[in-house]
Amino acid sequence: QVQLVESGGGLVQAGGSLRLSCAVSGRTFDNYVMGWFRQAPGKEREFVAQIYWSGGSTYHADSVKGRFTISRDSMKNTLYLQMNSVKLEDTALYYCSAKSFGSTWDYWGQGTQVTVSS
């Protein structure tokens, strides 16, 4: 059982920066993967980035590559999404998620809203 709680969302101007956090609690495993997803109104949920907790290797979607960076602080059991050079199209509800390697994304937070203004 894993519990995820996102925070850090809010209103940010285009071109600005924001850092999202995801507090992780409960039982974790050496082989689990953490990820960020987002969903804009009327659109499908979209993968943003993932990180292997143990080794720290990452993968970012093309839409955010070079602008967003996923990371984790093992001592704080916290996942981060550093969002730089945000664009209007980044506006969405951002979700933290977790899965075992090779499995589905089984654990989800409630989401934190990011709104980018011009």
N, C-alpha and C. Protein backbone atom coordinates (compact mmCIF):
# COMPACT_ATOMS: atom_id res chain seq x y z
N GLN A 1 0.83 -1.18 0.00
CA GLN A 1 0.00 0.00 0.00
C GLN A 1 0.88 1.25 0.00
N VAL A 2 0.60 2.13 -0.96
CA VAL A 2 1.35 3.37 -1.09
C VAL A 2 0.37 4.54 -1.11
N GLN A 3 0.67 5.57 -0.36
CA GLN A 3 -0.14 6.78 -0.35
C GLN A 3 0.65 7.92 -0.96
N LEU A 4 -0.01 8.69 -1.82
CA LEU A 4 0.63 9.78 -2.54
C LEU A 4 -0.17 11.05 -2.34
N VAL A 5 0.51 12.13 -2.00
CA VAL A 5 -0.14 13.42 -1.79
C VAL A 5 0.64 14.49 -2.53
N GLU A 6 0.01 15.08 -3.54
CA GLU A 6 0.65 16.14 -4.32
C GLU A 6 0.46 17.50 -3.65
N SER A 7 1.39 18.39 -3.94
CA SER A 7 1.29 19.77 -3.50
C SER A 7 2.14 20.64 -4.41
N GLY A 8 1.99 21.94 -4.28
CA GLY A 8 2.83 22.87 -5.02
C GLY A 8 2.20 23.49 -6.24
N GLY A 9 1.01 23.05 -6.59
CA GLY A 9 0.34 23.62 -7.74
C GLY A 9 -0.13 25.04 -7.46
N GLY A 10 -0.52 25.71 -8.52
CA GLY A 10 -0.99 27.07 -8.38
C GLY A 10 -1.00 27.80 -9.69
N LEU A 11 -1.09 29.11 -9.61
CA LEU A 11 -1.12 29.96 -10.79
C LEU A 11 0.28 30.48 -11.07
N VAL A 12 0.71 30.35 -12.31
CA VAL A 12 2.03 30.80 -12.71
C VAL A 12 1.94 31.41 -14.10
N GLN A 13 2.70 32.46 -14.33
CA GLN A 13 2.71 33.10 -15.64
C GLN A 13 3.54 32.30 -16.63
N ALA A 14 3.15 32.39 -17.89
CA ALA A 14 3.91 31.74 -18.95
C ALA A 14 5.37 32.17 -18.89
N GLY A 15 6.26 31.20 -19.02
CA GLY A 15 7.68 31.47 -18.92
C GLY A 15 8.24 31.32 -17.52
N GLY A 16 7.37 31.23 -16.55
CA GLY A 16 7.78 31.11 -15.17
C GLY A 16 8.08 29.68 -14.77
N SER A 17 8.29 29.49 -13.47
CA SER A 17 8.66 28.19 -12.93
C SER A 17 7.79 27.81 -11.75
N LEU A 18 7.68 26.52 -11.54
CA LEU A 18 6.90 25.97 -10.45
C LEU A 18 7.46 24.61 -10.10
N ARG A 19 7.45 24.26 -8.83
CA ARG A 19 7.90 22.94 -8.42
C ARG A 19 6.78 22.20 -7.71
N LEU A 20 6.41 21.07 -8.26
CA LEU A 20 5.41 20.21 -7.65
C LEU A 20 6.09 19.18 -6.76
N SER A 21 5.42 18.82 -5.69
CA SER A 21 5.93 17.81 -4.78
C SER A 21 4.91 16.70 -4.61
N CYS A 22 5.39 15.52 -4.33
CA CYS A 22 4.54 14.37 -4.06
C CYS A 22 5.12 13.63 -2.87
N ALA A 23 4.43 13.69 -1.75
CA ALA A 23 4.86 12.99 -0.55
C ALA A 23 4.44 11.53 -0.64
N VAL A 24 5.40 10.64 -0.44
CA VAL A 24 5.17 9.21 -0.55
C VAL A 24 5.21 8.58 0.83
N SER A 25 4.20 7.82 1.15
CA SER A 25 4.17 7.12 2.43
C SER A 25 3.63 5.70 2.22
N GLY A 26 3.72 4.90 3.27
CA GLY A 26 3.31 3.52 3.18
C GLY A 26 4.44 2.64 2.69
N ARG A 27 4.10 1.43 2.35
CA ARG A 27 5.11 0.47 1.93
C ARG A 27 5.60 0.77 0.52
N THR A 28 6.90 0.74 0.36
CA THR A 28 7.51 0.93 -0.95
C THR A 28 8.40 -0.25 -1.27
N PHE A 29 8.78 -0.36 -2.52
CA PHE A 29 9.56 -1.49 -2.99
C PHE A 29 10.76 -1.00 -3.78
N ASP A 30 11.80 -1.81 -3.81
CA ASP A 30 13.03 -1.43 -4.50
C ASP A 30 12.83 -1.26 -5.99
N ASN A 31 11.86 -1.96 -6.56
CA ASN A 31 11.68 -1.95 -8.00
C ASN A 31 10.56 -1.03 -8.48
N TYR A 32 10.09 -0.12 -7.62
CA TYR A 32 8.95 0.67 -8.05
C TYR A 32 9.38 1.91 -8.82
N VAL A 33 8.46 2.39 -9.62
CA VAL A 33 8.68 3.55 -10.48
C VAL A 33 7.69 4.64 -10.08
N MET A 34 8.16 5.87 -10.05
CA MET A 34 7.30 7.00 -9.76
C MET A 34 7.11 7.82 -11.03
N GLY A 35 5.94 8.40 -11.17
CA GLY A 35 5.67 9.17 -12.37
C GLY A 35 4.76 10.36 -12.14
N TRP A 36 4.81 11.27 -13.08
CA TRP A 36 3.90 12.40 -13.12
C TRP A 36 3.04 12.31 -14.38
N PHE A 37 1.76 12.54 -14.21
CA PHE A 37 0.81 12.61 -15.31
C PHE A 37 0.05 13.91 -15.19
N ARG A 38 -0.62 14.29 -16.27
CA ARG A 38 -1.45 15.48 -16.22
C ARG A 38 -2.68 15.29 -17.09
N GLN A 39 -3.73 16.02 -16.75
CA GLN A 39 -4.96 15.95 -17.50
C GLN A 39 -5.60 17.33 -17.58
N ALA A 40 -5.75 17.81 -18.78
CA ALA A 40 -6.43 19.07 -19.03
C ALA A 40 -7.91 18.80 -19.26
N PRO A 41 -8.77 19.78 -19.01
CA PRO A 41 -10.20 19.59 -19.21
C PRO A 41 -10.53 19.12 -20.62
N GLY A 42 -11.32 18.06 -20.72
CA GLY A 42 -11.73 17.53 -22.00
C GLY A 42 -10.69 16.71 -22.72
N LYS A 43 -9.56 16.45 -22.08
CA LYS A 43 -8.50 15.69 -22.71
C LYS A 43 -8.18 14.43 -21.92
N GLU A 44 -7.50 13.50 -22.60
CA GLU A 44 -7.07 12.28 -21.93
C GLU A 44 -5.90 12.56 -21.00
N ARG A 45 -5.75 11.71 -20.00
CA ARG A 45 -4.62 11.83 -19.11
C ARG A 45 -3.33 11.56 -19.89
N GLU A 46 -2.33 12.39 -19.65
CA GLU A 46 -1.10 12.36 -20.41
C GLU A 46 0.10 12.08 -19.51
N PHE A 47 0.96 11.20 -19.97
CA PHE A 47 2.20 10.92 -19.27
C PHE A 47 3.14 12.10 -19.38
N VAL A 48 3.79 12.44 -18.28
CA VAL A 48 4.72 13.56 -18.26
C VAL A 48 6.16 13.09 -18.07
N ALA A 49 6.40 12.32 -17.03
CA ALA A 49 7.75 11.88 -16.72
C ALA A 49 7.73 10.75 -15.72
N GLN A 50 8.81 9.99 -15.66
CA GLN A 50 8.93 8.93 -14.67
C GLN A 50 10.36 8.84 -14.18
N ILE A 51 10.52 8.20 -13.04
CA ILE A 51 11.83 8.00 -12.46
C ILE A 51 11.86 6.67 -11.72
N TYR A 52 12.94 5.92 -11.91
CA TYR A 52 13.16 4.71 -11.14
C TYR A 52 13.71 5.13 -9.79
N TRP A 53 12.99 4.75 -8.73
CA TRP A 53 13.32 5.26 -7.41
C TRP A 53 14.73 4.87 -6.97
N SER A 54 15.10 3.63 -7.19
CA SER A 54 16.38 3.15 -6.70
C SER A 54 17.57 3.76 -7.44
N GLY A 55 17.55 3.67 -8.75
CA GLY A 55 18.69 4.14 -9.53
C GLY A 55 18.62 5.59 -9.96
N GLY A 56 17.41 6.15 -10.02
CA GLY A 56 17.25 7.54 -10.37
C GLY A 56 17.19 7.84 -11.86
N SER A 57 17.19 6.82 -12.69
CA SER A 57 17.09 7.06 -14.13
C SER A 57 15.72 7.62 -14.46
N THR A 58 15.68 8.52 -15.43
CA THR A 58 14.45 9.25 -15.74
C THR A 58 14.09 9.16 -17.21
N TYR A 59 12.84 9.45 -17.48
CA TYR A 59 12.35 9.59 -18.84
C TYR A 59 11.29 10.68 -18.84
N HIS A 60 11.39 11.59 -19.81
CA HIS A 60 10.45 12.70 -19.91
C HIS A 60 9.75 12.68 -21.27
N ALA A 61 8.47 12.98 -21.26
CA ALA A 61 7.72 13.06 -22.50
C ALA A 61 8.27 14.18 -23.37
N ASP A 62 8.13 14.01 -24.68
CA ASP A 62 8.65 15.00 -25.61
C ASP A 62 8.07 16.39 -25.36
N SER A 63 6.83 16.44 -24.93
CA SER A 63 6.16 17.71 -24.73
C SER A 63 6.78 18.55 -23.62
N VAL A 64 7.51 17.91 -22.71
CA VAL A 64 8.09 18.64 -21.58
C VAL A 64 9.60 18.52 -21.53
N LYS A 65 10.17 17.73 -22.40
CA LYS A 65 11.62 17.50 -22.39
C LYS A 65 12.37 18.81 -22.54
N GLY A 66 13.35 19.01 -21.68
CA GLY A 66 14.13 20.23 -21.69
C GLY A 66 13.55 21.34 -20.84
N ARG A 67 12.31 21.18 -20.41
CA ARG A 67 11.65 22.19 -19.58
C ARG A 67 11.32 21.68 -18.18
N PHE A 68 10.85 20.44 -18.11
CA PHE A 68 10.49 19.83 -16.84
C PHE A 68 11.55 18.82 -16.43
N THR A 69 11.73 18.66 -15.13
CA THR A 69 12.67 17.68 -14.61
C THR A 69 12.06 16.94 -13.44
N ILE A 70 11.99 15.62 -13.55
CA ILE A 70 11.52 14.82 -12.44
C ILE A 70 12.71 14.42 -11.58
N SER A 71 12.50 14.38 -10.28
CA SER A 71 13.56 13.99 -9.36
C SER A 71 12.94 13.45 -8.08
N ARG A 72 13.77 12.89 -7.23
CA ARG A 72 13.27 12.41 -5.95
C ARG A 72 14.30 12.63 -4.87
N ASP A 73 13.82 12.82 -3.66
CA ASP A 73 14.65 12.94 -2.48
C ASP A 73 14.34 11.73 -1.61
N SER A 74 15.24 10.77 -1.63
CA SER A 74 15.00 9.51 -0.92
C SER A 74 14.88 9.70 0.59
N MET A 75 15.66 10.63 1.14
CA MET A 75 15.62 10.86 2.57
C MET A 75 14.30 11.46 3.02
N LYS A 76 13.66 12.23 2.14
CA LYS A 76 12.38 12.86 2.46
C LYS A 76 11.19 12.08 1.91
N ASN A 77 11.47 10.99 1.18
CA ASN A 77 10.41 10.22 0.53
C ASN A 77 9.48 11.14 -0.27
N THR A 78 10.09 11.97 -1.08
CA THR A 78 9.34 12.96 -1.83
C THR A 78 9.76 12.96 -3.29
N LEU A 79 8.77 13.01 -4.15
CA LEU A 79 8.97 13.12 -5.59
C LEU A 79 8.73 14.56 -6.00
N TYR A 80 9.49 15.04 -6.97
CA TYR A 80 9.36 16.42 -7.43
C TYR A 80 9.19 16.49 -8.94
N LEU A 81 8.55 17.54 -9.37
CA LEU A 81 8.52 17.90 -10.77
C LEU A 81 8.86 19.37 -10.86
N GLN A 82 10.06 19.67 -11.30
CA GLN A 82 10.47 21.04 -11.51
C GLN A 82 10.00 21.48 -12.89
N MET A 83 9.16 22.49 -12.93
CA MET A 83 8.58 22.97 -14.16
C MET A 83 9.16 24.34 -14.48
N ASN A 84 9.93 24.41 -15.54
CA ASN A 84 10.51 25.67 -15.99
C ASN A 84 9.96 26.03 -17.35
N SER A 85 10.03 27.32 -17.66
CA SER A 85 9.57 27.81 -18.96
C SER A 85 8.18 27.28 -19.29
N VAL A 86 7.27 27.41 -18.35
CA VAL A 86 5.94 26.84 -18.54
C VAL A 86 5.20 27.56 -19.67
N LYS A 87 4.33 26.81 -20.32
CA LYS A 87 3.53 27.30 -21.42
C LYS A 87 2.05 27.19 -21.07
N LEU A 88 1.23 27.90 -21.82
CA LEU A 88 -0.21 27.85 -21.58
C LEU A 88 -0.74 26.42 -21.66
N GLU A 89 -0.20 25.63 -22.58
CA GLU A 89 -0.67 24.27 -22.75
C GLU A 89 -0.26 23.33 -21.62
N ASP A 90 0.55 23.83 -20.69
CA ASP A 90 0.90 23.04 -19.52
C ASP A 90 -0.19 23.07 -18.46
N THR A 91 -1.18 23.91 -18.65
CA THR A 91 -2.28 24.00 -17.70
C THR A 91 -3.00 22.65 -17.62
N ALA A 92 -3.08 22.10 -16.42
CA ALA A 92 -3.69 20.79 -16.23
C ALA A 92 -3.71 20.44 -14.75
N LEU A 93 -4.43 19.39 -14.44
CA LEU A 93 -4.36 18.79 -13.12
C LEU A 93 -3.23 17.76 -13.16
N TYR A 94 -2.26 17.93 -12.30
CA TYR A 94 -1.08 17.07 -12.29
C TYR A 94 -1.19 16.01 -11.21
N TYR A 95 -0.95 14.77 -11.60
CA TYR A 95 -1.07 13.63 -10.70
C TYR A 95 0.28 12.96 -10.49
N CYS A 96 0.51 12.56 -9.29
CA CYS A 96 1.63 11.70 -8.95
C CYS A 96 1.16 10.25 -8.99
N SER A 97 2.00 9.36 -9.47
CA SER A 97 1.62 7.96 -9.57
C SER A 97 2.79 7.06 -9.25
N ALA A 98 2.49 5.79 -8.99
CA ALA A 98 3.52 4.82 -8.67
C ALA A 98 3.14 3.45 -9.20
N LYS A 99 4.15 2.68 -9.54
CA LYS A 99 3.92 1.33 -10.01
C LYS A 99 5.15 0.47 -9.75
N SER A 100 4.94 -0.83 -9.75
CA SER A 100 6.06 -1.76 -9.76
C SER A 100 6.56 -1.88 -11.19
N PHE A 101 7.85 -2.12 -11.35
CA PHE A 101 8.40 -2.25 -12.68
C PHE A 101 7.68 -3.35 -13.45
N GLY A 102 7.26 -3.05 -14.66
CA GLY A 102 6.57 -4.01 -15.49
C GLY A 102 5.09 -4.12 -15.23
N SER A 103 4.59 -3.35 -14.29
CA SER A 103 3.17 -3.38 -13.93
C SER A 103 2.47 -2.11 -14.39
N THR A 104 1.22 -1.98 -13.98
CA THR A 104 0.44 -0.80 -14.31
C THR A 104 0.61 0.27 -13.24
N TRP A 105 0.15 1.48 -13.56
CA TRP A 105 0.18 2.56 -12.59
C TRP A 105 -0.98 2.38 -11.62
N ASP A 106 -0.70 1.77 -10.49
CA ASP A 106 -1.74 1.34 -9.56
C ASP A 106 -2.06 2.36 -8.47
N TYR A 107 -1.14 3.24 -8.18
CA TYR A 107 -1.33 4.19 -7.09
C TYR A 107 -1.33 5.60 -7.62
N TRP A 108 -2.29 6.39 -7.12
CA TRP A 108 -2.46 7.76 -7.60
C TRP A 108 -2.75 8.71 -6.46
N GLY A 109 -2.25 9.92 -6.59
CA GLY A 109 -2.64 10.99 -5.69
C GLY A 109 -3.92 11.63 -6.19
N GLN A 110 -4.37 12.65 -5.48
CA GLN A 110 -5.61 13.34 -5.85
C GLN A 110 -5.39 14.45 -6.86
N GLY A 111 -4.16 14.82 -7.08
CA GLY A 111 -3.84 15.81 -8.08
C GLY A 111 -3.65 17.20 -7.50
N THR A 112 -2.87 17.99 -8.20
CA THR A 112 -2.69 19.39 -7.85
C THR A 112 -2.80 20.22 -9.13
N GLN A 113 -3.57 21.28 -9.07
CA GLN A 113 -3.87 22.07 -10.25
C GLN A 113 -2.75 23.04 -10.57
N VAL A 114 -2.35 23.05 -11.83
CA VAL A 114 -1.39 24.03 -12.34
C VAL A 114 -2.08 24.83 -13.43
N THR A 115 -2.13 26.12 -13.25
CA THR A 115 -2.74 27.00 -14.23
C THR A 115 -1.71 28.02 -14.71
N VAL A 116 -1.46 28.02 -16.00
CA VAL A 116 -0.50 28.94 -16.59
C VAL A 116 -1.26 30.07 -17.25
N SER A 117 -0.91 31.29 -16.90
CA SER A 117 -1.56 32.46 -17.44
C SER A 117 -0.62 33.22 -18.36
N SER A 118 -1.21 33.99 -19.26
CA SER A 118 -0.43 34.83 -20.16
C SER A 118 -0.23 36.21 -19.58
